[in-house]
Every structure is written in structure tokens, then in C-alpha cells.
């Protein structure tokens, strides 16, 4: 199959994904920022998909980009760890699927975040397992130090902040996801 045939088949796949999820073109337009007319032309084959259009659609439908364009399988299921560094924190993505539940290994250097912790709240849910070091979790009114082998889970609507509480780098496995996405667990207050 050549590139033209691959791109011609994207429209029917987009329509099938949208209808399988019970969404209207208006729903998809609202979640992606892509106009109704562009979405309609993509689905009907009247417009060729571009990367700028496919990326938000893959996120909205929670499918990998290669699945959206029906790319041939690579045969290698391993996730390539490409570290992302933000404000001193190193994040290693452990999942490839866009949207939904995401897994990361987080490495907090000594002294992270380098300033007083500031609580934040937002949509979603978080789960974390401490691999090494000590992690300070400030969740609502609770302020605890977590050690290797300890696990926390909480609704991220509750104001929260994390930092390194020890004298060595802290490493944690973390799952982040929208409220109710796959994880049906509840916050336990101490």
C-alpha cells in the first residue's frame, strides 16, 4: 500500500472511531479545536489529513498516531525512554498511548523543587510508588514523608505538592489519568 492509499483510508477510520465512541462531529470539534467543516471533509476524503490535524485527533480518540493511520506494526513493543526535564524534575514516559492513563518514572534531585512547595489542584487522578529516596507529599492538610515501597493515590482536585525530602535523589513510579479513567480507586485521608 502506498502513502496515498494509506491517507485515503484515514477518513473512514476517523468516522468509525467517532461513531464507535458515540460522538458527533460537534463533540470532536470541541475537544480538538478542528472546525466542523474540516472534520467532515477529513471523514469523507475531501481533505487529506496532515500531522497538525492527526495529532489532536489521536489524542481525542485516545489512540496512537500509527494506529490512526494504520501504520504497519513495528514488531517491537518496547517503549523508548526519552527523558523530559521540567524545572529540575526528570520524567521518563513508560507508556506511548496518548490520552487516558499515563505511566512515568520520576526522578527528583536533592532539594527538588528548589523552593517552597506550592500546592496545586487540577482535573485527574494520581498514583505514585516510591522506588528510592524520600518524597514529601503535601496533600490538603496532610504532610507526610514517603519512603521506598510506600504507595499513595489521590484525586488531584485536592490541593497537592511533592518534593524530595531526603539527601539523595528520589525515584517514583507515577500514574496520571483523568478522573475515573481505568482506575476506580478512592482517596483515603489519614
N, C-alpha and C. Protein backbone atom coordinates (compact mmCIF):
# COMPACT_ATOMS: atom_id res chain seq x y z
N UNK A 1 0.86 -1.17 0.00
CA UNK A 1 0.00 0.00 0.00
C UNK A 1 0.91 1.23 0.00
N UNK A 2 0.63 2.19 -0.91
CA UNK A 2 1.45 3.39 -0.96
C UNK A 2 0.90 4.46 -0.03
N UNK A 3 1.64 5.57 0.11
CA UNK A 3 1.26 6.63 1.04
C UNK A 3 -0.12 7.21 0.73
N UNK A 4 -0.42 7.36 -0.57
CA UNK A 4 -1.73 7.90 -0.96
C UNK A 4 -2.87 7.02 -0.49
N UNK A 5 -2.71 5.72 -0.64
CA UNK A 5 -3.76 4.78 -0.19
C UNK A 5 -3.90 4.82 1.33
N UNK A 6 -2.77 4.92 2.03
CA UNK A 6 -2.81 4.99 3.49
C UNK A 6 -3.60 6.21 3.93
N UNK A 7 -3.30 7.38 3.33
CA UNK A 7 -4.00 8.61 3.71
C UNK A 7 -5.47 8.56 3.30
N UNK A 8 -5.79 7.92 2.18
CA UNK A 8 -7.19 7.80 1.76
C UNK A 8 -8.01 6.99 2.76
N UNK A 9 -7.39 6.08 3.47
CA UNK A 9 -8.10 5.23 4.42
C UNK A 9 -8.27 5.86 5.80
N UNK A 10 -7.66 7.02 6.03
CA UNK A 10 -7.77 7.67 7.34
C UNK A 10 -9.20 8.14 7.59
N UNK A 11 -9.86 8.72 6.58
CA UNK A 11 -11.22 9.24 6.75
C UNK A 11 -12.19 8.21 7.27
N UNK A 12 -12.29 7.04 6.63
CA UNK A 12 -13.19 6.01 7.17
C UNK A 12 -12.82 5.57 8.59
N UNK A 13 -11.52 5.53 8.91
CA UNK A 13 -11.11 5.16 10.27
C UNK A 13 -11.55 6.22 11.27
N UNK A 14 -11.42 7.49 10.89
CA UNK A 14 -11.86 8.58 11.77
C UNK A 14 -13.37 8.47 12.04
N UNK A 15 -14.15 8.25 10.98
CA UNK A 15 -15.60 8.12 11.14
C UNK A 15 -15.94 6.92 12.03
N UNK A 16 -15.25 5.80 11.81
CA UNK A 16 -15.51 4.60 12.61
C UNK A 16 -15.18 4.83 14.08
N UNK A 17 -14.06 5.49 14.36
CA UNK A 17 -13.69 5.79 15.75
C UNK A 17 -14.72 6.70 16.41
N UNK A 18 -15.13 7.73 15.68
CA UNK A 18 -16.09 8.69 16.23
C UNK A 18 -17.43 8.02 16.52
N UNK A 19 -17.93 7.25 15.58
CA UNK A 19 -19.24 6.62 15.80
C UNK A 19 -19.16 5.53 16.86
N UNK A 20 -18.05 4.81 16.92
CA UNK A 20 -17.90 3.77 17.94
C UNK A 20 -17.91 4.37 19.35
N UNK A 21 -17.49 5.60 19.46
CA UNK A 21 -17.46 6.27 20.77
C UNK A 21 -18.72 7.09 21.01
N UNK A 22 -19.66 7.06 20.07
CA UNK A 22 -20.92 7.77 20.23
C UNK A 22 -20.76 9.28 20.20
N UNK A 23 -19.78 9.76 19.45
CA UNK A 23 -19.52 11.20 19.38
C UNK A 23 -20.06 11.79 18.09
N UNK A 24 -20.42 13.06 18.16
CA UNK A 24 -20.81 13.79 16.96
C UNK A 24 -19.61 14.57 16.46
N UNK A 25 -19.71 15.08 15.24
CA UNK A 25 -18.65 15.94 14.72
C UNK A 25 -18.47 17.16 15.62
N UNK A 26 -19.58 17.66 16.17
CA UNK A 26 -19.52 18.81 17.08
C UNK A 26 -18.71 18.47 18.32
N UNK A 27 -18.91 17.27 18.87
CA UNK A 27 -18.14 16.82 20.05
C UNK A 27 -16.65 16.81 19.73
N UNK A 28 -16.29 16.23 18.59
CA UNK A 28 -14.88 16.11 18.21
C UNK A 28 -14.29 17.50 17.96
N UNK A 29 -15.06 18.37 17.32
CA UNK A 29 -14.59 19.73 17.06
C UNK A 29 -14.30 20.45 18.38
N UNK A 30 -15.18 20.27 19.36
CA UNK A 30 -14.99 20.93 20.66
C UNK A 30 -13.75 20.42 21.38
N UNK A 31 -13.47 19.12 21.27
CA UNK A 31 -12.33 18.56 22.00
C UNK A 31 -11.00 18.75 21.28
N UNK A 32 -11.04 19.01 19.96
CA UNK A 32 -9.79 19.12 19.21
C UNK A 32 -9.48 20.53 18.74
N UNK A 33 -10.51 21.39 18.64
CA UNK A 33 -10.31 22.72 18.09
C UNK A 33 -10.29 22.73 16.57
N UNK A 34 -10.61 21.60 15.96
CA UNK A 34 -10.67 21.50 14.49
C UNK A 34 -12.10 21.82 14.06
N UNK A 35 -12.25 22.62 13.02
CA UNK A 35 -13.58 23.05 12.59
C UNK A 35 -14.43 21.87 12.11
N UNK A 36 -15.75 22.05 12.21
CA UNK A 36 -16.70 21.03 11.76
C UNK A 36 -16.50 20.72 10.28
N UNK A 37 -16.31 21.75 9.47
CA UNK A 37 -16.18 21.52 8.02
C UNK A 37 -14.90 20.74 7.72
N UNK A 38 -13.81 21.03 8.42
CA UNK A 38 -12.56 20.29 8.20
C UNK A 38 -12.74 18.84 8.60
N UNK A 39 -13.37 18.60 9.76
CA UNK A 39 -13.61 17.22 10.21
C UNK A 39 -14.47 16.46 9.21
N UNK A 40 -15.52 17.10 8.72
CA UNK A 40 -16.40 16.45 7.76
C UNK A 40 -15.65 16.11 6.47
N UNK A 41 -14.81 17.04 5.98
CA UNK A 41 -14.05 16.78 4.76
C UNK A 41 -13.00 15.69 4.98
N UNK A 42 -12.41 15.63 6.20
CA UNK A 42 -11.45 14.56 6.50
C UNK A 42 -12.14 13.20 6.44
N UNK A 43 -13.30 13.11 7.08
CA UNK A 43 -14.02 11.83 7.12
C UNK A 43 -14.49 11.40 5.73
N UNK A 44 -14.89 12.35 4.89
CA UNK A 44 -15.41 12.00 3.56
C UNK A 44 -14.31 11.81 2.53
N UNK A 45 -13.08 12.13 2.90
CA UNK A 45 -11.97 12.02 1.95
C UNK A 45 -11.78 13.26 1.11
N UNK A 46 -12.55 14.31 1.37
CA UNK A 46 -12.43 15.57 0.63
C UNK A 46 -11.21 16.39 1.03
N UNK A 47 -10.57 16.00 2.12
CA UNK A 47 -9.36 16.69 2.56
C UNK A 47 -8.36 15.65 3.03
N UNK A 48 -7.12 15.82 2.63
CA UNK A 48 -6.05 14.93 3.06
C UNK A 48 -5.63 15.30 4.49
N UNK A 49 -5.43 14.31 5.35
CA UNK A 49 -5.00 14.60 6.73
C UNK A 49 -3.55 15.07 6.77
N UNK A 50 -3.29 15.98 7.68
CA UNK A 50 -1.92 16.45 7.94
C UNK A 50 -1.58 16.10 9.37
N UNK A 51 -0.32 16.17 9.70
CA UNK A 51 0.12 15.87 11.07
C UNK A 51 -0.54 16.81 12.07
N UNK A 52 -0.70 18.09 11.69
CA UNK A 52 -1.33 19.07 12.58
C UNK A 52 -2.78 18.71 12.90
N UNK A 53 -3.44 17.99 11.99
CA UNK A 53 -4.81 17.54 12.24
C UNK A 53 -4.84 16.18 12.93
N UNK A 54 -3.93 15.31 12.57
CA UNK A 54 -3.95 13.95 13.12
C UNK A 54 -3.56 13.90 14.60
N UNK A 55 -2.62 14.74 15.02
CA UNK A 55 -2.19 14.69 16.43
C UNK A 55 -3.33 14.97 17.40
N UNK A 56 -4.09 16.08 17.24
CA UNK A 56 -5.20 16.28 18.19
C UNK A 56 -6.29 15.22 18.08
N UNK A 57 -6.49 14.68 16.86
CA UNK A 57 -7.49 13.62 16.71
C UNK A 57 -7.05 12.34 17.42
N UNK A 58 -5.78 11.99 17.32
CA UNK A 58 -5.28 10.81 18.04
C UNK A 58 -5.46 10.99 19.54
N UNK A 59 -5.18 12.19 20.05
CA UNK A 59 -5.38 12.45 21.49
C UNK A 59 -6.85 12.35 21.85
N UNK A 60 -7.72 12.94 21.04
CA UNK A 60 -9.16 12.93 21.34
C UNK A 60 -9.73 11.52 21.35
N UNK A 61 -9.27 10.67 20.42
CA UNK A 61 -9.77 9.30 20.35
C UNK A 61 -8.96 8.34 21.20
N UNK A 62 -7.90 8.84 21.84
CA UNK A 62 -7.03 8.05 22.71
C UNK A 62 -6.47 6.83 21.98
N UNK A 63 -5.93 7.08 20.79
CA UNK A 63 -5.26 6.04 20.02
C UNK A 63 -3.89 6.57 19.62
N UNK A 64 -2.97 5.66 19.39
CA UNK A 64 -1.65 6.06 18.92
C UNK A 64 -1.76 6.54 17.48
N UNK A 65 -0.92 7.47 17.11
CA UNK A 65 -0.94 8.03 15.77
C UNK A 65 -0.78 6.95 14.70
N UNK A 66 0.11 5.99 14.95
CA UNK A 66 0.31 4.94 13.95
C UNK A 66 -0.94 4.06 13.81
N UNK A 67 -1.73 3.96 14.86
CA UNK A 67 -2.99 3.22 14.77
C UNK A 67 -4.01 4.00 13.95
N UNK A 68 -4.00 5.32 14.09
CA UNK A 68 -4.94 6.17 13.37
C UNK A 68 -4.70 6.10 11.86
N UNK A 69 -3.44 6.04 11.45
CA UNK A 69 -3.14 5.98 10.01
C UNK A 69 -2.91 4.54 9.54
N UNK A 70 -3.09 3.59 10.44
CA UNK A 70 -2.93 2.17 10.14
C UNK A 70 -1.52 1.87 9.64
N UNK A 71 -0.54 2.43 10.35
CA UNK A 71 0.86 2.17 10.00
C UNK A 71 1.17 0.70 10.26
N UNK A 72 2.06 0.13 9.48
CA UNK A 72 2.40 -1.28 9.71
C UNK A 72 3.05 -1.45 11.09
N UNK A 73 2.79 -2.57 11.75
CA UNK A 73 3.38 -2.79 13.07
C UNK A 73 4.90 -2.83 12.99
N UNK A 74 5.53 -2.32 14.04
CA UNK A 74 6.99 -2.29 14.07
C UNK A 74 7.55 -3.61 14.55
N UNK A 75 6.73 -4.41 15.24
CA UNK A 75 7.20 -5.68 15.76
C UNK A 75 7.94 -5.54 17.08
N UNK A 76 8.16 -4.33 17.52
CA UNK A 76 8.90 -4.10 18.76
C UNK A 76 8.00 -3.35 19.74
N UNK A 77 7.49 -4.02 20.75
CA UNK A 77 6.56 -3.37 21.67
C UNK A 77 7.23 -2.51 22.74
N UNK A 78 8.57 -2.49 22.78
CA UNK A 78 9.24 -1.74 23.83
C UNK A 78 9.00 -0.24 23.69
N UNK A 79 8.85 0.40 24.84
CA UNK A 79 8.70 1.85 24.89
C UNK A 79 10.10 2.44 24.99
N UNK A 80 10.40 3.37 24.12
CA UNK A 80 11.72 4.03 24.15
C UNK A 80 11.67 5.16 25.15
N UNK A 81 12.52 5.07 26.16
CA UNK A 81 12.53 6.07 27.22
C UNK A 81 13.28 7.31 26.75
N UNK A 82 12.53 8.37 26.54
CA UNK A 82 13.12 9.65 26.17
C UNK A 82 12.81 10.62 27.30
N UNK A 83 13.82 10.93 28.11
CA UNK A 83 13.56 11.76 29.28
C UNK A 83 13.09 13.17 28.92
N UNK A 84 12.18 13.68 29.74
CA UNK A 84 11.71 15.05 29.65
C UNK A 84 12.11 15.71 30.96
N UNK A 85 12.75 16.86 30.88
CA UNK A 85 13.17 17.57 32.09
C UNK A 85 12.37 18.85 32.24
N UNK A 86 11.78 19.02 33.43
CA UNK A 86 10.99 20.22 33.73
C UNK A 86 11.35 20.70 35.11
N UNK A 87 11.88 21.90 35.19
CA UNK A 87 12.20 22.54 36.47
C UNK A 87 13.03 21.62 37.37
N UNK A 88 13.96 20.89 36.80
CA UNK A 88 14.83 20.01 37.57
C UNK A 88 14.32 18.59 37.71
N UNK A 89 13.04 18.35 37.45
CA UNK A 89 12.44 17.02 37.54
C UNK A 89 12.67 16.28 36.23
N UNK A 90 13.11 15.02 36.30
CA UNK A 90 13.27 14.20 35.11
C UNK A 90 12.09 13.23 35.05
N UNK A 91 11.40 13.24 33.90
CA UNK A 91 10.24 12.37 33.70
C UNK A 91 10.56 11.42 32.55
N UNK A 92 10.47 10.11 32.83
CA UNK A 92 10.68 9.10 31.79
C UNK A 92 9.32 8.48 31.47
N UNK A 93 8.75 8.75 30.28
CA UNK A 93 7.45 8.16 29.95
C UNK A 93 7.57 6.65 29.79
N UNK A 94 6.65 5.93 30.40
CA UNK A 94 6.64 4.47 30.34
C UNK A 94 5.49 3.93 29.50
N UNK A 95 4.68 4.84 28.97
CA UNK A 95 3.57 4.46 28.09
C UNK A 95 3.65 5.31 26.83
N UNK A 96 3.08 4.78 25.75
CA UNK A 96 3.09 5.51 24.48
C UNK A 96 1.72 6.01 24.08
N UNK A 97 0.70 5.44 24.61
CA UNK A 97 -0.66 5.75 24.17
C UNK A 97 -1.06 7.15 24.62
N UNK A 98 -1.46 8.03 23.69
CA UNK A 98 -1.84 9.39 24.07
C UNK A 98 -3.17 9.41 24.80
N UNK A 99 -3.34 10.35 25.70
CA UNK A 99 -4.57 10.49 26.45
C UNK A 99 -4.73 9.37 27.46
N UNK A 100 -5.76 9.47 28.28
CA UNK A 100 -6.01 8.42 29.26
C UNK A 100 -4.91 8.29 30.28
N UNK A 101 -4.77 7.11 30.81
CA UNK A 101 -3.81 6.83 31.86
C UNK A 101 -2.38 6.85 31.31
N UNK A 102 -1.48 7.56 32.00
CA UNK A 102 -0.08 7.67 31.59
C UNK A 102 0.81 7.21 32.74
N UNK A 103 1.87 6.46 32.43
CA UNK A 103 2.82 5.98 33.44
C UNK A 103 4.17 6.65 33.22
N UNK A 104 4.81 7.06 34.32
CA UNK A 104 6.12 7.71 34.27
C UNK A 104 7.00 7.22 35.41
N UNK A 105 8.31 7.26 35.18
CA UNK A 105 9.27 7.17 36.26
C UNK A 105 9.74 8.60 36.46
N UNK A 106 9.64 9.10 37.69
CA UNK A 106 10.04 10.47 38.02
C UNK A 106 11.30 10.41 38.87
N UNK A 107 12.25 11.27 38.54
CA UNK A 107 13.48 11.37 39.33
C UNK A 107 13.58 12.80 39.85
N UNK A 108 13.50 12.92 41.18
CA UNK A 108 13.58 14.23 41.83
C UNK A 108 14.98 14.40 42.41
N UNK A 109 15.74 15.40 41.96
CA UNK A 109 17.07 15.61 42.52
C UNK A 109 16.97 16.08 43.97
N UNK A 110 18.07 16.00 44.68
CA UNK A 110 18.12 16.50 46.06
C UNK A 110 17.71 17.97 46.04
N UNK A 111 16.84 18.34 46.98
CA UNK A 111 16.39 19.73 47.08
C UNK A 111 15.23 20.09 46.16
N UNK A 112 14.77 19.15 45.32
CA UNK A 112 13.67 19.45 44.42
C UNK A 112 12.42 19.80 45.22
N UNK A 113 11.72 20.87 44.92
CA UNK A 113 11.77 21.68 43.73
C UNK A 113 12.68 22.90 43.82
N UNK A 114 13.45 23.05 44.87
CA UNK A 114 14.37 24.18 44.96
C UNK A 114 13.70 25.44 45.50
N UNK A 115 12.48 25.32 45.93
CA UNK A 115 11.72 26.44 46.52
C UNK A 115 10.67 25.82 47.43
N UNK A 116 9.94 26.64 48.15
CA UNK A 116 8.87 26.11 48.98
C UNK A 116 7.83 25.42 48.11
N UNK A 117 7.29 24.32 48.64
CA UNK A 117 6.24 23.62 47.90
C UNK A 117 5.00 24.50 47.78
N UNK A 118 4.42 24.49 46.60
CA UNK A 118 3.17 25.21 46.36
C UNK A 118 2.13 24.22 45.89
N UNK A 119 1.06 24.11 46.65
CA UNK A 119 0.01 23.15 46.28
C UNK A 119 -0.73 23.62 45.04
N UNK A 120 -1.13 22.63 44.24
CA UNK A 120 -1.93 22.88 43.04
C UNK A 120 -3.07 21.89 43.04
N UNK A 121 -4.12 22.22 42.33
CA UNK A 121 -5.20 21.25 42.11
C UNK A 121 -5.62 21.36 40.65
N UNK A 122 -6.09 20.24 40.11
CA UNK A 122 -6.47 20.18 38.70
C UNK A 122 -7.30 18.93 38.47
N UNK A 123 -7.82 18.77 37.26
CA UNK A 123 -8.56 17.57 36.89
C UNK A 123 -7.64 16.37 36.96
N UNK A 124 -8.16 15.23 37.30
CA UNK A 124 -7.40 14.00 37.20
C UNK A 124 -7.28 13.20 38.47
N UNK A 125 -6.38 12.24 38.40
CA UNK A 125 -6.15 11.29 39.48
C UNK A 125 -4.68 10.91 39.43
N UNK A 126 -4.07 10.67 40.58
CA UNK A 126 -2.66 10.33 40.60
C UNK A 126 -2.40 9.15 41.53
N UNK A 127 -1.46 8.31 41.13
CA UNK A 127 -0.99 7.17 41.92
C UNK A 127 0.52 7.21 41.84
N UNK A 128 1.22 6.99 42.97
CA UNK A 128 2.69 7.01 42.96
C UNK A 128 3.23 5.94 43.90
N UNK A 129 4.34 5.30 43.46
CA UNK A 129 5.04 4.28 44.23
C UNK A 129 6.48 4.73 44.37
N UNK A 130 6.98 4.85 45.60
CA UNK A 130 8.35 5.31 45.83
C UNK A 130 9.32 4.15 45.65
N UNK A 131 10.24 4.31 44.71
CA UNK A 131 11.27 3.30 44.44
C UNK A 131 12.49 3.51 45.33
N UNK A 132 12.92 4.77 45.48
CA UNK A 132 14.09 5.06 46.31
C UNK A 132 14.01 6.51 46.79
N UNK A 133 14.76 6.78 47.85
CA UNK A 133 14.77 8.13 48.41
C UNK A 133 13.57 8.38 49.29
N UNK A 134 13.36 9.67 49.58
CA UNK A 134 12.23 10.10 50.41
C UNK A 134 11.48 11.19 49.69
N UNK A 135 10.17 11.06 49.66
CA UNK A 135 9.32 12.01 48.94
C UNK A 135 8.35 12.65 49.92
N UNK A 136 8.33 13.98 49.93
CA UNK A 136 7.37 14.70 50.76
C UNK A 136 6.11 14.91 49.93
N UNK A 137 4.97 14.49 50.48
CA UNK A 137 3.67 14.72 49.85
C UNK A 137 2.86 15.62 50.77
N UNK A 138 2.49 16.74 50.23
CA UNK A 138 1.62 17.68 50.94
C UNK A 138 0.29 17.62 50.22
N UNK A 139 -0.69 16.94 50.82
CA UNK A 139 -2.00 16.69 50.23
C UNK A 139 -3.07 17.27 51.13
N UNK A 140 -3.69 18.37 50.69
CA UNK A 140 -4.67 19.05 51.54
C UNK A 140 -3.98 19.52 52.81
N UNK A 141 -4.46 19.08 53.96
CA UNK A 141 -3.86 19.44 55.25
C UNK A 141 -2.82 18.43 55.70
N UNK A 142 -2.71 17.30 55.02
CA UNK A 142 -1.76 16.26 55.40
C UNK A 142 -0.39 16.53 54.79
N UNK A 143 0.64 16.31 55.59
CA UNK A 143 2.03 16.50 55.14
C UNK A 143 2.80 15.26 55.61
N UNK A 144 3.17 14.38 54.65
CA UNK A 144 3.81 13.11 55.02
C UNK A 144 5.09 12.91 54.22
N UNK A 145 6.01 12.13 54.78
CA UNK A 145 7.21 11.73 54.06
C UNK A 145 7.05 10.26 53.69
N UNK A 146 7.19 9.98 52.40
CA UNK A 146 7.04 8.63 51.88
C UNK A 146 8.41 8.01 51.67
N UNK A 147 8.53 6.74 51.96
CA UNK A 147 9.80 6.02 51.84
C UNK A 147 9.65 4.90 50.81
N UNK A 148 10.75 4.27 50.39
CA UNK A 148 10.68 3.21 49.40
C UNK A 148 9.65 2.13 49.77
N UNK A 149 8.86 1.75 48.78
CA UNK A 149 7.83 0.74 48.99
C UNK A 149 6.47 1.30 49.36
N UNK A 150 6.39 2.59 49.65
CA UNK A 150 5.10 3.18 50.01
C UNK A 150 4.40 3.69 48.74
N UNK A 151 3.07 3.62 48.80
CA UNK A 151 2.22 3.98 47.68
C UNK A 151 1.21 5.02 48.13
N UNK A 152 0.92 5.99 47.25
CA UNK A 152 -0.15 6.96 47.51
C UNK A 152 -1.05 7.00 46.29
N UNK A 153 -2.30 7.37 46.53
CA UNK A 153 -3.26 7.58 45.45
C UNK A 153 -4.20 8.68 45.91
N UNK A 154 -4.52 9.59 44.97
CA UNK A 154 -5.40 10.69 45.35
C UNK A 154 -6.02 11.36 44.14
N UNK A 155 -7.16 11.99 44.39
CA UNK A 155 -7.85 12.81 43.41
C UNK A 155 -7.10 14.13 43.34
N UNK A 156 -6.73 14.56 42.15
CA UNK A 156 -5.92 15.77 42.02
C UNK A 156 -6.74 17.06 42.14
N UNK A 157 -8.03 16.93 42.43
CA UNK A 157 -8.81 18.12 42.79
C UNK A 157 -8.38 18.60 44.19
N UNK A 158 -7.85 17.67 45.01
CA UNK A 158 -7.35 18.02 46.33
C UNK A 158 -6.01 18.75 46.14
N UNK A 159 -5.84 19.94 46.72
CA UNK A 159 -4.56 20.65 46.57
C UNK A 159 -3.40 19.76 47.03
N UNK A 160 -2.33 19.71 46.21
CA UNK A 160 -1.23 18.79 46.49
C UNK A 160 0.09 19.34 45.94
N UNK A 161 1.18 18.82 46.50
CA UNK A 161 2.53 19.13 46.02
C UNK A 161 3.44 18.01 46.48
N UNK A 162 4.53 17.76 45.70
CA UNK A 162 5.51 16.73 46.04
C UNK A 162 6.91 17.32 45.91
N UNK A 163 7.80 16.84 46.76
CA UNK A 163 9.19 17.26 46.68
C UNK A 163 10.10 16.20 47.26
N UNK A 164 11.39 16.37 47.05
CA UNK A 164 12.38 15.44 47.60
C UNK A 164 12.65 15.84 49.05
N UNK A 165 12.42 14.91 49.97
CA UNK A 165 12.60 15.19 51.40
C UNK A 165 13.90 14.61 51.94
N UNK A 166 14.74 14.04 51.07
CA UNK A 166 15.92 13.35 51.56
C UNK A 166 17.22 13.95 51.07
N UNK A 167 18.29 13.17 51.29
CA UNK A 167 19.65 13.62 50.95
C UNK A 167 20.19 12.89 49.73
N UNK A 168 19.31 12.20 49.02
CA UNK A 168 19.69 11.51 47.78
C UNK A 168 18.54 11.70 46.79
N UNK A 169 18.78 11.53 45.49
CA UNK A 169 17.67 11.64 44.54
C UNK A 169 16.55 10.67 44.90
N UNK A 170 15.33 11.09 44.66
CA UNK A 170 14.16 10.25 44.91
C UNK A 170 13.60 9.80 43.57
N UNK A 171 13.23 8.52 43.49
CA UNK A 171 12.65 7.96 42.28
C UNK A 171 11.29 7.38 42.59
N UNK A 172 10.31 7.70 41.75
CA UNK A 172 8.97 7.16 41.94
C UNK A 172 8.40 6.70 40.60
N UNK A 173 7.51 5.74 40.65
CA UNK A 173 6.68 5.38 39.52
C UNK A 173 5.36 6.10 39.73
N UNK A 174 4.85 6.74 38.68
CA UNK A 174 3.62 7.52 38.83
C UNK A 174 2.68 7.22 37.68
N UNK A 175 1.39 7.15 38.02
CA UNK A 175 0.33 7.02 37.03
C UNK A 175 -0.53 8.27 37.14
N UNK A 176 -0.77 8.90 36.01
CA UNK A 176 -1.62 10.08 35.98
C UNK A 176 -2.77 9.80 35.03
N UNK A 177 -3.96 10.21 35.40
CA UNK A 177 -5.07 9.99 34.49
C UNK A 177 -6.25 10.85 34.83
N UNK A 178 -7.14 11.04 33.84
CA UNK A 178 -8.37 11.77 34.10
C UNK A 178 -9.21 11.05 35.14
N UNK A 179 -10.03 11.79 35.82
CA UNK A 179 -10.89 11.22 36.85
C UNK A 179 -11.70 10.07 36.27
N UNK A 180 -11.62 8.92 36.93
CA UNK A 180 -12.42 7.77 36.51
C UNK A 180 -11.83 6.97 35.38
N UNK A 181 -10.70 7.39 34.78
CA UNK A 181 -10.12 6.67 33.65
C UNK A 181 -9.44 5.40 34.14
N UNK A 182 -10.03 4.26 33.92
CA UNK A 182 -9.49 2.94 34.22
C UNK A 182 -9.25 2.68 35.71
N UNK A 183 -8.86 3.67 36.46
CA UNK A 183 -8.57 3.44 37.87
C UNK A 183 -9.79 3.84 38.69
N UNK A 184 -10.41 2.90 39.33
CA UNK A 184 -11.58 3.20 40.15
C UNK A 184 -11.18 3.04 41.61
N UNK A 185 -10.35 3.97 42.05
CA UNK A 185 -9.82 3.93 43.40
C UNK A 185 -10.15 5.25 44.08
N UNK A 186 -10.17 5.26 45.36
CA UNK A 186 -10.59 6.42 46.12
C UNK A 186 -9.48 6.89 47.06
N UNK A 187 -9.52 8.16 47.40
CA UNK A 187 -8.56 8.74 48.32
C UNK A 187 -8.90 8.35 49.74
N UNK A 188 -7.87 7.95 50.48
CA UNK A 188 -8.04 7.68 51.91
C UNK A 188 -7.36 8.81 52.66
N UNK A 189 -8.07 9.52 53.47
CA UNK A 189 -7.48 10.56 54.30
C UNK A 189 -7.00 9.95 55.60
N UNK A 190 -5.83 10.38 56.05
CA UNK A 190 -5.28 9.84 57.31
C UNK A 190 -5.67 10.71 58.47
